[in-house]
Amino acid sequence: NETPPGHNNRSLVVGGIFLFSRRV
């Protein structure tokens, strides 16, 4: 079950936005 190269990066970006939104 290999994940696409953009999936991990996309998940990381979404996580960063979520954390940034909570911090504000």
PDB file of N, CA and C in Angstrom:
ATOM      1  N   ASN A   1       0.856  -1.196   0.000  1.00  0.00           N
ATOM      2  CA  ASN A   1       0.000   0.000   0.000  1.00  0.00           C
ATOM      3  C   ASN A   1       0.892   1.246   0.000  1.00  0.00           C
ATOM      4  N   GLU A   2       1.353   1.632  -1.177  1.00  0.00           N
ATOM      5  CA  GLU A   2       2.238   2.795  -1.267  1.00  0.00           C
ATOM      6  C   GLU A   2       1.414   4.073  -1.419  1.00  0.00           C
ATOM      7  N   THR A   3       1.793   5.101  -0.676  1.00  0.00           N
ATOM      8  CA  THR A   3       1.067   6.364  -0.767  1.00  0.00           C
ATOM      9  C   THR A   3       1.708   7.252  -1.819  1.00  0.00           C
ATOM     10  N   PRO A   4       0.918   8.038  -2.545  1.00  0.00           N
ATOM     11  CA  PRO A   4       1.446   8.932  -3.578  1.00  0.00           C
ATOM     12  C   PRO A   4       2.391   9.964  -2.977  1.00  0.00           C
ATOM     13  N   PRO A   5       3.341  10.482  -3.754  1.00  0.00           N
ATOM     14  CA  PRO A   5       4.340  11.429  -3.261  1.00  0.00           C
ATOM     15  C   PRO A   5       3.722  12.729  -2.754  1.00  0.00           C
ATOM     16  N   GLY A   6       2.537  13.078  -3.224  1.00  0.00           N
ATOM     17  CA  GLY A   6       1.911  14.341  -2.836  1.00  0.00           C
ATOM     18  C   GLY A   6       1.008  14.198  -1.617  1.00  0.00           C
ATOM     19  N   HIS A   7       0.713  12.944  -1.237  1.00  0.00           N
ATOM     20  CA  HIS A   7      -0.215  12.727  -0.126  1.00  0.00           C
ATOM     21  C   HIS A   7       0.412  13.153   1.197  1.00  0.00           C
ATOM     22  N   ASN A   8       1.637  12.714   1.439  1.00  0.00           N
ATOM     23  CA  ASN A   8       2.297  13.027   2.706  1.00  0.00           C
ATOM     24  C   ASN A   8       2.523  14.524   2.825  1.00  0.00           C
ATOM     25  N   ASN A   9       2.982  15.147   1.745  1.00  0.00           N
ATOM     26  CA  ASN A   9       3.245  16.588   1.760  1.00  0.00           C
ATOM     27  C   ASN A   9       1.938  17.346   1.985  1.00  0.00           C
ATOM     28  N   ARG A  10       0.888  16.896   1.332  1.00  0.00           N
ATOM     29  CA  ARG A  10      -0.400  17.568   1.471  1.00  0.00           C
ATOM     30  C   ARG A  10      -0.905  17.449   2.913  1.00  0.00           C
ATOM     31  N   SER A  11      -0.749  16.260   3.495  1.00  0.00           N
ATOM     32  CA  SER A  11      -1.186  16.049   4.877  1.00  0.00           C
ATOM     33  C   SER A  11      -0.410  16.953   5.819  1.00  0.00           C
ATOM     34  N   LEU A  12       0.888  17.104   5.549  1.00  0.00           N
ATOM     35  CA  LEU A  12       1.732  17.948   6.393  1.00  0.00           C
ATOM     36  C   LEU A  12       1.275  19.404   6.322  1.00  0.00           C
ATOM     37  N   VAL A  13       0.946  19.860   5.122  1.00  0.00           N
ATOM     38  CA  VAL A  13       0.487  21.243   4.938  1.00  0.00           C
ATOM     39  C   VAL A  13      -0.834  21.455   5.677  1.00  0.00           C
ATOM     40  N   VAL A  14      -1.746  20.494   5.537  1.00  0.00           N
ATOM     41  CA  VAL A  14      -3.042  20.604   6.207  1.00  0.00           C
ATOM     42  C   VAL A  14      -2.851  20.650   7.717  1.00  0.00           C
ATOM     43  N   GLY A  15      -1.926  19.824   8.223  1.00  0.00           N
ATOM     44  CA  GLY A  15      -1.646  19.809   9.661  1.00  0.00           C
ATOM     45  C   GLY A  15      -1.091  21.148  10.123  1.00  0.00           C
ATOM     46  N   GLY A  16      -0.210  21.735   9.319  1.00  0.00           N
ATOM     47  CA  GLY A  16       0.385  23.032   9.668  1.00  0.00           C
ATOM     48  C   GLY A  16      -0.672  24.123   9.709  1.00  0.00           C
ATOM     49  N   ILE A  17      -1.572  24.110   8.739  1.00  0.00           N
ATOM     50  CA  ILE A  17      -2.639  25.122   8.698  1.00  0.00           C
ATOM     51  C   ILE A  17      -3.556  24.956   9.911  1.00  0.00           C
ATOM     52  N   PHE A  18      -3.841  23.694  10.260  1.00  0.00           N
ATOM     53  CA  PHE A  18      -4.715  23.423  11.401  1.00  0.00           C
ATOM     54  C   PHE A  18      -4.087  23.954  12.685  1.00  0.00           C
ATOM     55  N   LEU A  19      -2.792  23.678  12.873  1.00  0.00           N
ATOM     56  CA  LEU A  19      -2.093  24.153  14.071  1.00  0.00           C
ATOM     57  C   LEU A  19      -2.031  25.678  14.081  1.00  0.00           C
ATOM     58  N   PHE A  20      -1.780  26.266  12.922  1.00  0.00           N
ATOM     59  CA  PHE A  20      -1.703  27.729  12.831  1.00  0.00           C
ATOM     60  C   PHE A  20      -3.056  28.355  13.166  1.00  0.00           C
ATOM     61  N   SER A  21      -4.133  27.724  12.685  1.00  0.00           N
ATOM     62  CA  SER A  21      -5.478  28.241  12.937  1.00  0.00           C
ATOM     63  C   SER A  21      -5.795  28.170  14.432  1.00  0.00           C
ATOM     64  N   ARG A  22      -5.369  27.078  15.090  1.00  0.00           N
ATOM     65  CA  ARG A  22      -5.637  26.939  16.526  1.00  0.00           C
ATOM     66  C   ARG A  22      -4.818  27.951  17.316  1.00  0.00           C
ATOM     67  N   ARG A  23      -3.592  28.230  16.855  1.00  0.00           N
ATOM     68  CA  ARG A  23      -2.723  29.142  17.595  1.00  0.00           C
ATOM     69  C   ARG A  23      -3.283  30.569  17.569  1.00  0.00           C
ATOM     70  N   VAL A  24      -3.852  30.962  16.445  1.00  0.00           N
ATOM     71  CA  VAL A  24      -4.365  32.328  16.313  1.00  0.00           C
ATOM     72  C   VAL A  24      -5.605  32.518  17.199  1.00  0.00           C
TER      73      VAL A  24
END
